[in-house]
Amino acid sequence: MKRLLLLSGSAIGLAAFALPWARSSTAQDQFPYETPWEATRRVFESVGAGFRAIAHGPNDRYYILTSPGPAVQIYDDSGNRVGQIPNATAAAAKGVALVFGEWLDVDAQGRVAVSDRGANAVKIYGADGSLTATIPERGPAPVALLPEGEVAVGTSEAEHVVTAYDLAGRLAREYGDPEDISDRVDINRQVNSGQMAADAEGNTYFAFDFLPEPTVRKFDHAGYLALEISLKTLEFQPAAQAARRVIARAGQGVVVLHRIVSALGVDRQRQEVWLAMGTLLLHFDKDGQRVGTYRTYMPRGARLEAASILVEPGRLLIGADPQGIYEFIIPSKPTP
């Protein structure tokens, strides 16, 4: 297992701009080594308010989840709507339509997994739009379809952070140790919620949304930890330490943790990781080395805080609510 505590050169005065509750809004606030990255265009222009996730399926189809809504909408590569999951006929049956979808994934066969927060379930649909399995799951659990015919589900209330099921909803295995940073169960539960993605080899990537130190873990198909990216460098330390002090002083009162990681994207073939913290976007290679640091903007300079990242050859599709989905052409030469 590779464990990386990422070290970088320029660290003075950077911590305040690394985390979403203290994002920069002017050029003077940028990291000394970051690159402003402006989107080339908006895509799927009808998608805006309520956007949750985008996935690329077979036949160059794009699956887009907005909430609330009863179905995932399917678009062709020209931006035309061509269908929905579940289909209109299937959605009429009780319990088939979505209530409030939060997470989405699609596999190479066109099967769709949606975490339906409104129904407290993960719903798995066939390529024809029929509901094939329902897995009870409280809260907005992230999902990732694995190439071996399984679905990985983030489970912040279980003994492990990831639970894998077969496509009939039967338990296959559990893996991933949770973080224990408080004496309070409710705080640890929130800290262990996160986001997931999978690559073509069946590796699972889990990013902790609320852990003070931005962290991504990569698990192989058997559930063994293969790589950890943990941002404990000087530019992240002050904000992380402040967050931990807030947690330590929580007592029995209500604690609202600030979200650290806002989006996770994985190149399914190259196993590269893209991690967003508001407008800050970090690019890591297969070995977990940081190869790019960016600040994301919409065309004409308005900032874009990523909520979903789809990695494709040569480009990213980054979406946010309510701004919509934007195309970013990946630079041929990364900026470390």
C-alpha atoms as a PDB file:
ATOM      1  CA  MET A   1       0.000   0.000   0.000  1.00  0.00           C
ATOM      2  CA  LYS A   2       1.284   3.434  -0.913  1.00  0.00           C
ATOM      3  CA  ARG A   3       0.690   6.237   1.568  1.00  0.00           C
ATOM      4  CA  LEU A   4       1.556   9.750   0.464  1.00  0.00           C
ATOM      5  CA  LEU A   5       1.793  12.844   2.642  1.00  0.00           C
ATOM      6  CA  LEU A   6       1.993  15.279  -0.221  1.00  0.00           C
ATOM      7  CA  LEU A   7       4.670  17.943   0.083  1.00  0.00           C
ATOM      8  CA  SER A   8       4.832  21.004  -2.109  1.00  0.00           C
ATOM      9  CA  GLY A   9       7.121  23.974  -2.487  1.00  0.00           C
ATOM     10  CA  SER A  10       5.187  27.198  -1.917  1.00  0.00           C
ATOM     11  CA  ALA A  11       3.296  26.997   1.359  1.00  0.00           C
ATOM     12  CA  ILE A  12       3.424  30.409   3.019  1.00  0.00           C
ATOM     13  CA  GLY A  13       0.021  32.005   3.491  1.00  0.00           C
ATOM     14  CA  LEU A  14      -1.893  29.419   1.460  1.00  0.00           C
ATOM     15  CA  ALA A  15      -4.091  27.672   3.997  1.00  0.00           C
ATOM     16  CA  ALA A  16      -6.941  30.167   3.925  1.00  0.00           C
ATOM     17  CA  PHE A  17      -7.521  29.567   0.230  1.00  0.00           C
ATOM     18  CA  ALA A  18      -7.467  25.778   0.243  1.00  0.00           C
ATOM     19  CA  LEU A  19     -10.824  25.138   1.823  1.00  0.00           C
ATOM     20  CA  PRO A  20     -14.363  25.976   0.697  1.00  0.00           C
ATOM     21  CA  TRP A  21     -15.339  28.234   3.607  1.00  0.00           C
ATOM     22  CA  ALA A  22     -12.481  30.612   2.753  1.00  0.00           C
ATOM     23  CA  ARG A  23     -12.307  30.515  -1.040  1.00  0.00           C
ATOM     24  CA  SER A  24     -10.555  33.181  -3.014  1.00  0.00           C
ATOM     25  CA  SER A  25     -12.508  35.524  -5.241  1.00  0.00           C
ATOM     26  CA  THR A  26      -9.724  37.617  -6.738  1.00  0.00           C
ATOM     27  CA  ALA A  27      -6.563  36.938  -8.704  1.00  0.00           C
ATOM     28  CA  GLN A  28      -4.470  38.233  -5.797  1.00  0.00           C
ATOM     29  CA  ASP A  29      -5.769  35.376  -3.630  1.00  0.00           C
ATOM     30  CA  GLN A  30      -4.503  32.584  -5.878  1.00  0.00           C
ATOM     31  CA  PHE A  31      -1.951  29.991  -4.847  1.00  0.00           C
ATOM     32  CA  PRO A  32       1.448  31.137  -6.146  1.00  0.00           C
ATOM     33  CA  TYR A  33       1.697  27.936  -8.183  1.00  0.00           C
ATOM     34  CA  GLU A  34      -1.919  27.478  -9.297  1.00  0.00           C
ATOM     35  CA  THR A  35      -3.230  28.061 -12.799  1.00  0.00           C
ATOM     36  CA  PRO A  36      -6.566  29.801 -13.476  1.00  0.00           C
ATOM     37  CA  TRP A  37      -8.573  27.423 -15.663  1.00  0.00           C
ATOM     38  CA  GLU A  38     -11.516  28.783 -17.611  1.00  0.00           C
ATOM     39  CA  ALA A  39     -14.141  26.519 -19.163  1.00  0.00           C
ATOM     40  CA  THR A  40     -14.333  26.473 -22.941  1.00  0.00           C
ATOM     41  CA  ARG A  41     -18.132  26.284 -23.050  1.00  0.00           C
ATOM     42  CA  ARG A  42     -21.294  25.234 -21.296  1.00  0.00           C
ATOM     43  CA  VAL A  43     -22.710  21.854 -22.354  1.00  0.00           C
ATOM     44  CA  PHE A  44     -26.189  20.362 -21.901  1.00  0.00           C
ATOM     45  CA  GLU A  45     -27.517  23.883 -21.523  1.00  0.00           C
ATOM     46  CA  SER A  46     -30.951  22.805 -20.320  1.00  0.00           C
ATOM     47  CA  VAL A  47     -29.337  21.399 -17.149  1.00  0.00           C
ATOM     48  CA  GLY A  48     -28.973  23.854 -14.284  1.00  0.00           C
ATOM     49  CA  ALA A  49     -30.764  24.122 -10.955  1.00  0.00           C
ATOM     50  CA  GLY A  50     -30.914  20.825  -9.089  1.00  0.00           C
ATOM     51  CA  PHE A  51     -27.923  19.295 -10.873  1.00  0.00           C
ATOM     52  CA  ARG A  52     -26.380  16.406  -8.937  1.00  0.00           C
ATOM     53  CA  ALA A  53     -24.211  14.196 -11.163  1.00  0.00           C
ATOM     54  CA  ILE A  54     -23.221  13.248 -14.713  1.00  0.00           C
ATOM     55  CA  ALA A  55     -21.953   9.898 -16.039  1.00  0.00           C
ATOM     56  CA  HIS A  56     -20.888   8.618 -19.465  1.00  0.00           C
ATOM     57  CA  GLY A  57     -22.552   5.417 -20.656  1.00  0.00           C
ATOM     58  CA  PRO A  58     -22.357   3.215 -23.757  1.00  0.00           C
ATOM     59  CA  ASN A  59     -23.001   4.556 -27.271  1.00  0.00           C
ATOM     60  CA  ASP A  60     -21.762   8.026 -26.271  1.00  0.00           C
ATOM     61  CA  ARG A  61     -24.783   8.602 -24.073  1.00  0.00           C
ATOM     62  CA  TYR A  62     -24.628  10.949 -21.088  1.00  0.00           C
ATOM     63  CA  TYR A  63     -26.712  10.278 -17.985  1.00  0.00           C
ATOM     64  CA  ILE A  64     -27.565  13.343 -15.913  1.00  0.00           C
ATOM     65  CA  LEU A  65     -29.196  13.394 -12.491  1.00  0.00           C
ATOM     66  CA  THR A  66     -31.079  16.441 -11.243  1.00  0.00           C
ATOM     67  CA  SER A  67     -33.222  16.565  -8.127  1.00  0.00           C
ATOM     68  CA  PRO A  68     -35.967  16.484  -7.282  1.00  0.00           C
ATOM     69  CA  GLY A  69     -37.035  14.455 -10.302  1.00  0.00           C
ATOM     70  CA  PRO A  70     -38.436  10.983 -11.052  1.00  0.00           C
ATOM     71  CA  ALA A  71     -35.743   9.861 -13.507  1.00  0.00           C
ATOM     72  CA  VAL A  72     -32.178  10.165 -14.785  1.00  0.00           C
ATOM     73  CA  GLN A  73     -32.191  11.967 -18.135  1.00  0.00           C
ATOM     74  CA  ILE A  74     -30.203  10.549 -21.059  1.00  0.00           C
ATOM     75  CA  TYR A  75     -28.596  12.807 -23.691  1.00  0.00           C
ATOM     76  CA  ASP A  76     -26.629  12.149 -26.864  1.00  0.00           C
ATOM     77  CA  ASP A  77     -23.257  13.791 -27.427  1.00  0.00           C
ATOM     78  CA  SER A  78     -24.941  16.706 -29.213  1.00  0.00           C
ATOM     79  CA  GLY A  79     -26.929  17.590 -26.094  1.00  0.00           C
ATOM     80  CA  ASN A  80     -30.309  16.208 -27.241  1.00  0.00           C
ATOM     81  CA  ARG A  81     -32.471  14.307 -24.780  1.00  0.00           C
ATOM     82  CA  VAL A  82     -32.960  10.738 -26.004  1.00  0.00           C
ATOM     83  CA  GLY A  83     -34.440   8.883 -23.039  1.00  0.00           C
ATOM     84  CA  GLN A  84     -34.654   8.403 -19.306  1.00  0.00           C
ATOM     85  CA  ILE A  85     -34.007   5.863 -16.539  1.00  0.00           C
ATOM     86  CA  PRO A  86     -36.409   4.538 -15.313  1.00  0.00           C
ATOM     87  CA  ASN A  87     -38.435   4.711 -18.516  1.00  0.00           C
ATOM     88  CA  ALA A  88     -41.884   6.256 -18.381  1.00  0.00           C
ATOM     89  CA  THR A  89     -43.650   2.888 -18.279  1.00  0.00           C
ATOM     90  CA  ALA A  90     -41.507   1.472 -15.496  1.00  0.00           C
ATOM     91  CA  ALA A  91     -41.643   4.686 -13.466  1.00  0.00           C
ATOM     92  CA  ALA A  92     -45.404   4.330 -13.097  1.00  0.00           C
ATOM     93  CA  ALA A  93     -44.929   1.284 -10.837  1.00  0.00           C
ATOM     94  CA  LYS A  94     -44.774   1.863  -7.096  1.00  0.00           C
ATOM     95  CA  GLY A  95     -41.280   2.471  -5.739  1.00  0.00           C
ATOM     96  CA  VAL A  96     -39.575   2.557  -9.147  1.00  0.00           C
ATOM     97  CA  ALA A  97     -39.388   6.296  -9.808  1.00  0.00           C
ATOM     98  CA  LEU A  98     -36.765   8.373  -8.056  1.00  0.00           C
ATOM     99  CA  VAL A  99     -37.774  10.617  -5.166  1.00  0.00           C
ATOM    100  CA  PHE A 100     -34.620  12.680  -4.576  1.00  0.00           C
ATOM    101  CA  GLY A 101     -31.545  11.245  -6.275  1.00  0.00           C
ATOM    102  CA  GLU A 102     -28.159  12.262  -4.887  1.00  0.00           C
ATOM    103  CA  TRP A 103     -25.508  10.081  -6.582  1.00  0.00           C
ATOM    104  CA  LEU A 104     -25.278   8.319  -9.926  1.00  0.00           C
ATOM    105  CA  ASP A 105     -23.113   5.837 -11.830  1.00  0.00           C
ATOM    106  CA  VAL A 106     -23.428   3.968 -15.132  1.00  0.00           C
ATOM    107  CA  ASP A 107     -21.489   0.898 -16.325  1.00  0.00           C
ATOM    108  CA  ALA A 108     -20.386  -0.214 -19.780  1.00  0.00           C
ATOM    109  CA  GLN A 109     -23.594  -2.234 -20.257  1.00  0.00           C
ATOM    110  CA  GLY A 110     -25.828   0.756 -19.553  1.00  0.00           C
ATOM    111  CA  ARG A 111     -26.902  -0.354 -16.091  1.00  0.00           C
ATOM    112  CA  VAL A 112     -27.579   2.585 -13.779  1.00  0.00           C
ATOM    113  CA  ALA A 113     -27.160   2.900 -10.010  1.00  0.00           C
ATOM    114  CA  VAL A 114     -28.739   5.844  -8.192  1.00  0.00           C
ATOM    115  CA  SER A 115     -28.590   6.723  -4.516  1.00  0.00           C
ATOM    116  CA  ASP A 116     -32.144   7.877  -3.844  1.00  0.00           C
ATOM    117  CA  ARG A 117     -31.979   9.871  -0.626  1.00  0.00           C
ATOM    118  CA  GLY A 118     -35.706  10.467  -0.706  1.00  0.00           C
ATOM    119  CA  ALA A 119     -36.397   6.724  -0.662  1.00  0.00           C
ATOM    120  CA  ASN A 120     -33.507   5.742   1.657  1.00  0.00           C
ATOM    121  CA  ALA A 121     -32.324   3.286  -0.965  1.00  0.00           C
ATOM    122  CA  VAL A 122     -29.848   2.593  -3.730  1.00  0.00           C
ATOM    123  CA  LYS A 123     -31.778   1.684  -6.869  1.00  0.00           C
ATOM    124  CA  ILE A 124     -30.243  -0.350  -9.673  1.00  0.00           C
ATOM    125  CA  TYR A 125     -31.813  -0.192 -13.137  1.00  0.00           C
ATOM    126  CA  GLY A 126     -31.218  -2.288 -16.217  1.00  0.00           C
ATOM    127  CA  ALA A 127     -30.275  -0.694 -19.518  1.00  0.00           C
ATOM    128  CA  ASP A 128     -33.939  -0.988 -20.554  1.00  0.00           C
ATOM    129  CA  GLY A 129     -35.000   1.237 -17.643  1.00  0.00           C
ATOM    130  CA  SER A 130     -36.473  -1.502 -15.463  1.00  0.00           C
ATOM    131  CA  LEU A 131     -35.755  -1.585 -11.719  1.00  0.00           C
ATOM    132  CA  THR A 132     -33.678  -4.705 -11.010  1.00  0.00           C
ATOM    133  CA  ALA A 133     -32.721  -4.256  -7.348  1.00  0.00           C
ATOM    134  CA  THR A 134     -33.307  -1.982  -4.373  1.00  0.00           C
ATOM    135  CA  ILE A 135     -30.761  -1.818  -1.549  1.00  0.00           C
ATOM    136  CA  PRO A 136     -31.946  -0.114   1.650  1.00  0.00           C
ATOM    137  CA  GLU A 137     -29.496   2.633   2.610  1.00  0.00           C
ATOM    138  CA  ARG A 138     -30.085   5.661   4.798  1.00  0.00           C
ATOM    139  CA  GLY A 139     -28.930   9.068   3.669  1.00  0.00           C
ATOM    140  CA  PRO A 140     -27.165  10.229   0.504  1.00  0.00           C
ATOM    141  CA  ALA A 141     -24.840   7.226   0.075  1.00  0.00           C
ATOM    142  CA  PRO A 142     -22.366   7.516  -2.843  1.00  0.00           C
ATOM    143  CA  VAL A 143     -22.387   4.703  -5.414  1.00  0.00           C
ATOM    144  CA  ALA A 144     -19.940   3.266  -7.955  1.00  0.00           C
ATOM    145  CA  LEU A 145     -20.600   0.412 -10.381  1.00  0.00           C
ATOM    146  CA  LEU A 146     -17.698  -2.048 -10.594  1.00  0.00           C
ATOM    147  CA  PRO A 147     -16.819  -3.850 -13.841  1.00  0.00           C
ATOM    148  CA  GLU A 148     -17.224  -7.309 -12.245  1.00  0.00           C
ATOM    149  CA  GLY A 149     -20.981  -6.814 -11.926  1.00  0.00           C
ATOM    150  CA  GLU A 150     -21.133  -5.244  -8.478  1.00  0.00           C
ATOM    151  CA  VAL A 151     -22.077  -1.925  -6.950  1.00  0.00           C
ATOM    152  CA  ALA A 152     -20.022  -0.240  -4.225  1.00  0.00           C
ATOM    153  CA  VAL A 153     -21.961   1.891  -1.748  1.00  0.00           C
ATOM    154  CA  GLY A 154     -20.559   4.378   0.755  1.00  0.00           C
ATOM    155  CA  THR A 155     -21.789   3.452   4.228  1.00  0.00           C
ATOM    156  CA  SER A 156     -20.935   6.040   6.874  1.00  0.00           C
ATOM    157  CA  GLU A 157     -23.076   4.285   9.513  1.00  0.00           C
ATOM    158  CA  ALA A 158     -21.434   0.857   9.104  1.00  0.00           C
ATOM    159  CA  GLU A 159     -18.199  -0.641  10.411  1.00  0.00           C
ATOM    160  CA  HIS A 160     -16.533   0.050   7.050  1.00  0.00           C
ATOM    161  CA  VAL A 161     -16.802   3.009   4.683  1.00  0.00           C
ATOM    162  CA  VAL A 162     -17.590   0.867   1.594  1.00  0.00           C
ATOM    163  CA  THR A 163     -19.994  -2.031   1.149  1.00  0.00           C
ATOM    164  CA  ALA A 164     -20.097  -3.998  -2.127  1.00  0.00           C
ATOM    165  CA  TYR A 165     -23.222  -5.785  -3.367  1.00  0.00           C
ATOM    166  CA  ASP A 166     -23.934  -7.872  -6.410  1.00  0.00           C
ATOM    167  CA  LEU A 167     -26.447  -6.453  -8.861  1.00  0.00           C
ATOM    168  CA  ALA A 168     -29.255  -8.413  -7.207  1.00  0.00           C
ATOM    169  CA  GLY A 169     -28.582  -6.518  -3.965  1.00  0.00           C
ATOM    170  CA  ARG A 170     -26.828  -9.344  -2.088  1.00  0.00           C
ATOM    171  CA  LEU A 171     -23.931  -8.415   0.200  1.00  0.00           C
ATOM    172  CA  ALA A 172     -20.526  -9.268  -1.280  1.00  0.00           C
ATOM    173  CA  ARG A 173     -17.981  -7.694   1.108  1.00  0.00           C
ATOM    174  CA  GLU A 174     -17.160  -4.640   3.214  1.00  0.00           C
ATOM    175  CA  TYR A 175     -13.904  -2.705   3.282  1.00  0.00           C
ATOM    176  CA  GLY A 176     -12.243   0.569   4.248  1.00  0.00           C
ATOM    177  CA  ASP A 177     -11.517   1.598   7.823  1.00  0.00           C
ATOM    178  CA  PRO A 178     -13.497   4.620   9.060  1.00  0.00           C
ATOM    179  CA  GLU A 179     -11.907   7.652  10.682  1.00  0.00           C
ATOM    180  CA  ASP A 180     -12.471   8.121  14.418  1.00  0.00           C
ATOM    181  CA  ILE A 181     -11.750  11.761  15.309  1.00  0.00           C
ATOM    182  CA  SER A 182     -14.352  12.414  18.012  1.00  0.00           C
ATOM    183  CA  ASP A 183     -16.016  10.802  21.009  1.00  0.00           C
ATOM    184  CA  ARG A 184     -19.364  11.591  19.410  1.00  0.00           C
ATOM    185  CA  VAL A 185     -20.947   9.055  17.077  1.00  0.00           C
ATOM    186  CA  ASP A 186     -22.786  11.702  15.053  1.00  0.00           C
ATOM    187  CA  ILE A 187     -19.583  13.630  14.277  1.00  0.00           C
ATOM    188  CA  ASN A 188     -17.689  10.482  13.241  1.00  0.00           C
ATOM    189  CA  ARG A 189     -20.625   9.468  11.063  1.00  0.00           C
ATOM    190  CA  GLN A 190     -20.503  12.774   9.211  1.00  0.00           C
ATOM    191  CA  VAL A 191     -16.716  12.676   8.898  1.00  0.00           C
ATOM    192  CA  ASN A 192     -16.952   9.230   7.272  1.00  0.00           C
ATOM    193  CA  SER A 193     -19.398  10.290   4.602  1.00  0.00           C
ATOM    194  CA  GLY A 194     -17.832  10.895   1.229  1.00  0.00           C
ATOM    195  CA  GLN A 195     -17.737  10.400  -2.503  1.00  0.00           C
ATOM    196  CA  MET A 196     -16.802   7.419  -4.650  1.00  0.00           C
ATOM    197  CA  ALA A 197     -15.629   6.474  -8.109  1.00  0.00           C
ATOM    198  CA  ALA A 198     -14.331   3.324  -9.783  1.00  0.00           C
ATOM    199  CA  ASP A 199     -11.873   2.610 -12.591  1.00  0.00           C
ATOM    200  CA  ALA A 200     -11.855   0.017 -15.367  1.00  0.00           C
ATOM    201  CA  GLU A 201      -9.845  -2.468 -13.273  1.00  0.00           C
ATOM    202  CA  GLY A 202     -12.377  -2.491 -10.450  1.00  0.00           C
ATOM    203  CA  ASN A 203     -10.493  -0.268  -8.018  1.00  0.00           C
ATOM    204  CA  THR A 204     -12.685   1.872  -5.763  1.00  0.00           C
ATOM    205  CA  TYR A 205     -11.785   5.450  -4.795  1.00  0.00           C
ATOM    206  CA  PHE A 206     -13.257   7.003  -1.660  1.00  0.00           C
ATOM    207  CA  ALA A 207     -12.863  10.704  -0.782  1.00  0.00           C
ATOM    208  CA  PHE A 208     -13.827  11.889   2.705  1.00  0.00           C
ATOM    209  CA  ASP A 209     -16.023  14.972   2.368  1.00  0.00           C
ATOM    210  CA  PHE A 210     -15.583  16.311   5.912  1.00  0.00           C
ATOM    211  CA  LEU A 211     -12.251  14.976   7.160  1.00  0.00           C
ATOM    212  CA  PRO A 212     -10.176  18.079   8.063  1.00  0.00           C
ATOM    213  CA  GLU A 213      -7.213  16.819   6.008  1.00  0.00           C
ATOM    214  CA  PRO A 214      -8.432  16.262   2.406  1.00  0.00           C
ATOM    215  CA  THR A 215      -8.045  12.516   1.853  1.00  0.00           C
ATOM    216  CA  VAL A 216      -8.672  10.014  -0.952  1.00  0.00           C
ATOM    217  CA  ARG A 217      -8.189   6.258  -0.549  1.00  0.00           C
ATOM    218  CA  LYS A 218      -7.918   3.746  -3.368  1.00  0.00           C
ATOM    219  CA  PHE A 219      -8.968   0.134  -2.732  1.00  0.00           C
ATOM    220  CA  ASP A 220      -8.337  -2.813  -5.026  1.00  0.00           C
ATOM    221  CA  HIS A 221     -11.137  -5.177  -6.011  1.00  0.00           C
ATOM    222  CA  ALA A 222     -10.606  -7.341  -2.936  1.00  0.00           C
ATOM    223  CA  GLY A 223     -10.944  -4.286  -0.701  1.00  0.00           C
ATOM    224  CA  TYR A 224      -7.287  -3.872   0.249  1.00  0.00           C
ATOM    225  CA  LEU A 225      -5.951  -0.335   0.549  1.00  0.00           C
ATOM    226  CA  ALA A 226      -3.705   0.316  -2.457  1.00  0.00           C
ATOM    227  CA  LEU A 227      -3.048   4.060  -2.176  1.00  0.00           C
ATOM    228  CA  GLU A 228      -3.820   6.984   0.106  1.00  0.00           C
ATOM    229  CA  ILE A 229      -3.575  10.638  -0.874  1.00  0.00           C
ATOM    230  CA  SER A 230      -3.597  12.725   2.293  1.00  0.00           C
ATOM    231  CA  LEU A 231      -3.089  16.481   2.060  1.00  0.00           C
ATOM    232  CA  LYS A 232      -1.243  17.223   5.294  1.00  0.00           C
ATOM    233  CA  THR A 233       1.152  19.758   3.856  1.00  0.00           C
ATOM    234  CA  LEU A 234       1.735  23.251   5.199  1.00  0.00           C
ATOM    235  CA  GLU A 235      -0.829  24.963   2.999  1.00  0.00           C
ATOM    236  CA  PHE A 236      -3.609  22.752   4.407  1.00  0.00           C
ATOM    237  CA  GLN A 237      -2.476  22.385   8.013  1.00  0.00           C
ATOM    238  CA  PRO A 238      -3.805  25.604   9.625  1.00  0.00           C
ATOM    239  CA  ALA A 239      -7.365  25.123   8.366  1.00  0.00           C
ATOM    240  CA  ALA A 240      -7.306  21.414   9.234  1.00  0.00           C
ATOM    241  CA  GLN A 241      -6.053  22.139  12.738  1.00  0.00           C
ATOM    242  CA  ALA A 242      -8.733  24.794  13.212  1.00  0.00           C
ATOM    243  CA  ALA A 243     -11.419  22.314  12.140  1.00  0.00           C
ATOM    244  CA  ARG A 244     -10.144  19.727  14.597  1.00  0.00           C
ATOM    245  CA  ARG A 245     -10.189  22.298  17.413  1.00  0.00           C
ATOM    246  CA  VAL A 246     -13.842  23.067  16.651  1.00  0.00           C
ATOM    247  CA  ILE A 247     -14.640  19.346  16.824  1.00  0.00           C
ATOM    248  CA  ALA A 248     -12.687  18.911  20.075  1.00  0.00           C
ATOM    249  CA  ARG A 249     -14.636  21.761  21.728  1.00  0.00           C
ATOM    250  CA  ALA A 250     -18.010  20.533  20.502  1.00  0.00           C
ATOM    251  CA  GLY A 251     -19.225  19.128  23.817  1.00  0.00           C
ATOM    252  CA  GLN A 252     -22.857  18.035  23.427  1.00  0.00           C
ATOM    253  CA  GLY A 253     -23.980  20.925  21.243  1.00  0.00           C
ATOM    254  CA  VAL A 254     -24.938  20.837  17.592  1.00  0.00           C
ATOM    255  CA  VAL A 255     -21.916  20.728  15.292  1.00  0.00           C
ATOM    256  CA  VAL A 256     -22.175  21.602  11.603  1.00  0.00           C
ATOM    257  CA  LEU A 257     -18.993  20.507   9.845  1.00  0.00           C
ATOM    258  CA  HIS A 258     -17.761  22.384   6.806  1.00  0.00           C
ATOM    259  CA  ARG A 259     -17.481  20.334   3.644  1.00  0.00           C
ATOM    260  CA  ILE A 260     -13.833  19.960   2.628  1.00  0.00           C
ATOM    261  CA  VAL A 261     -14.014  17.939  -0.610  1.00  0.00           C
ATOM    262  CA  SER A 262     -16.714  19.052  -3.035  1.00  0.00           C
ATOM    263  CA  ALA A 263     -16.110  16.658  -5.957  1.00  0.00           C
ATOM    264  CA  LEU A 264     -14.080  13.603  -6.978  1.00  0.00           C
ATOM    265  CA  GLY A 265     -13.297  12.484 -10.516  1.00  0.00           C
ATOM    266  CA  VAL A 266     -11.260   9.468 -11.690  1.00  0.00           C
ATOM    267  CA  ASP A 267      -9.848   8.665 -15.120  1.00  0.00           C
ATOM    268  CA  ARG A 268     -11.137   5.113 -15.506  1.00  0.00           C
ATOM    269  CA  GLN A 269      -8.312   4.042 -17.828  1.00  0.00           C
ATOM    270  CA  ARG A 270      -5.306   6.009 -16.515  1.00  0.00           C
ATOM    271  CA  GLN A 271      -6.321   5.832 -12.830  1.00  0.00           C
ATOM    272  CA  GLU A 272      -5.616   9.529 -12.344  1.00  0.00           C
ATOM    273  CA  VAL A 273      -7.502  11.429  -9.640  1.00  0.00           C
ATOM    274  CA  TRP A 274      -9.072  14.905  -9.778  1.00  0.00           C
ATOM    275  CA  LEU A 275     -10.056  16.358  -6.409  1.00  0.00           C
ATOM    276  CA  ALA A 276     -12.071  19.574  -6.010  1.00  0.00           C
ATOM    277  CA  MET A 277     -12.334  21.760  -2.924  1.00  0.00           C
ATOM    278  CA  GLY A 278     -14.695  24.484  -4.067  1.00  0.00           C
ATOM    279  CA  THR A 279     -12.933  26.304  -6.890  1.00  0.00           C
ATOM    280  CA  LEU A 280      -9.580  24.658  -6.123  1.00  0.00           C
ATOM    281  CA  LEU A 281      -8.931  21.621  -8.352  1.00  0.00           C
ATOM    282  CA  LEU A 282      -5.992  19.238  -7.809  1.00  0.00           C
ATOM    283  CA  HIS A 283      -4.783  16.645 -10.330  1.00  0.00           C
ATOM    284  CA  PHE A 284      -2.892  13.516  -9.215  1.00  0.00           C
ATOM    285  CA  ASP A 285      -1.243  10.840 -11.337  1.00  0.00           C
ATOM    286  CA  LYS A 286      -1.690   7.083 -10.905  1.00  0.00           C
ATOM    287  CA  ASP A 287       0.897   7.019  -8.119  1.00  0.00           C
ATOM    288  CA  GLY A 288      -0.748   9.829  -6.172  1.00  0.00           C
ATOM    289  CA  GLN A 289       1.764  12.545  -7.095  1.00  0.00           C
ATOM    290  CA  ARG A 290       0.244  16.001  -7.583  1.00  0.00           C
ATOM    291  CA  VAL A 291       0.769  17.070 -11.195  1.00  0.00           C
ATOM    292  CA  GLY A 292      -1.623  20.006 -11.499  1.00  0.00           C
ATOM    293  CA  THR A 293      -3.212  22.727  -9.360  1.00  0.00           C
ATOM    294  CA  TYR A 294      -5.983  24.864 -10.827  1.00  0.00           C
ATOM    295  CA  ARG A 295      -8.679  27.383  -9.978  1.00  0.00           C
ATOM    296  CA  THR A 296     -11.850  26.755 -11.994  1.00  0.00           C
ATOM    297  CA  TYR A 297     -13.913  29.449 -13.718  1.00  0.00           C
ATOM    298  CA  MET A 298     -16.846  29.576 -16.074  1.00  0.00           C
ATOM    299  CA  PRO A 299     -16.464  31.388 -19.409  1.00  0.00           C
ATOM    300  CA  ARG A 300     -15.958  35.128 -18.866  1.00  0.00           C
ATOM    301  CA  GLY A 301     -14.451  34.630 -15.436  1.00  0.00           C
ATOM    302  CA  ALA A 302     -17.189  33.735 -12.914  1.00  0.00           C
ATOM    303  CA  ARG A 303     -15.879  31.151 -10.473  1.00  0.00           C
ATOM    304  CA  LEU A 304     -17.159  27.574 -10.607  1.00  0.00           C
ATOM    305  CA  GLU A 305     -17.308  25.405  -7.488  1.00  0.00           C
ATOM    306  CA  ALA A 306     -17.291  21.808  -8.691  1.00  0.00           C
ATOM    307  CA  ALA A 307     -19.991  19.448  -7.409  1.00  0.00           C
ATOM    308  CA  SER A 308     -19.388  16.659  -9.950  1.00  0.00           C
ATOM    309  CA  ILE A 309     -16.447  15.761 -12.209  1.00  0.00           C
ATOM    310  CA  LEU A 310     -16.606  13.473 -15.225  1.00  0.00           C
ATOM    311  CA  VAL A 311     -13.146  12.623 -16.605  1.00  0.00           C
ATOM    312  CA  GLU A 312     -12.970  11.851 -20.323  1.00  0.00           C
ATOM    313  CA  PRO A 313     -10.043  11.584 -22.757  1.00  0.00           C
ATOM    314  CA  GLY A 314      -8.735  15.127 -23.175  1.00  0.00           C
ATOM    315  CA  ARG A 315     -11.390  16.909 -21.137  1.00  0.00           C
ATOM    316  CA  LEU A 316     -13.313  17.235 -17.903  1.00  0.00           C
ATOM    317  CA  LEU A 317     -17.019  17.912 -17.579  1.00  0.00           C
ATOM    318  CA  ILE A 318     -17.508  19.805 -14.320  1.00  0.00           C
ATOM    319  CA  GLY A 319     -20.993  20.457 -12.999  1.00  0.00           C
ATOM    320  CA  ALA A 320     -22.431  22.619 -10.248  1.00  0.00           C
ATOM    321  CA  ASP A 321     -25.850  23.574  -8.926  1.00  0.00           C
ATOM    322  CA  PRO A 322     -27.314  25.870 -10.244  1.00  0.00           C
ATOM    323  CA  GLN A 323     -24.669  26.893 -12.803  1.00  0.00           C
ATOM    324  CA  GLY A 324     -24.866  23.727 -14.937  1.00  0.00           C
ATOM    325  CA  ILE A 325     -22.186  21.675 -16.702  1.00  0.00           C
ATOM    326  CA  TYR A 326     -19.018  23.041 -18.318  1.00  0.00           C
ATOM    327  CA  GLU A 327     -16.272  21.624 -20.517  1.00  0.00           C
ATOM    328  CA  PHE A 328     -12.600  21.996 -19.542  1.00  0.00           C
ATOM    329  CA  ILE A 329      -9.914  20.926 -22.014  1.00  0.00           C
ATOM    330  CA  ILE A 330      -7.117  19.168 -20.115  1.00  0.00           C
ATOM    331  CA  PRO A 331      -3.777  20.930 -20.652  1.00  0.00           C
ATOM    332  CA  SER A 332      -1.146  18.904 -22.485  1.00  0.00           C
ATOM    333  CA  LYS A 333       1.417  20.075 -19.917  1.00  0.00           C
ATOM    334  CA  PRO A 334       0.203  19.880 -16.296  1.00  0.00           C
ATOM    335  CA  THR A 335       0.976  22.659 -13.835  1.00  0.00           C
ATOM    336  CA  PRO A 336       2.450  21.252 -10.592  1.00  0.00           C
END
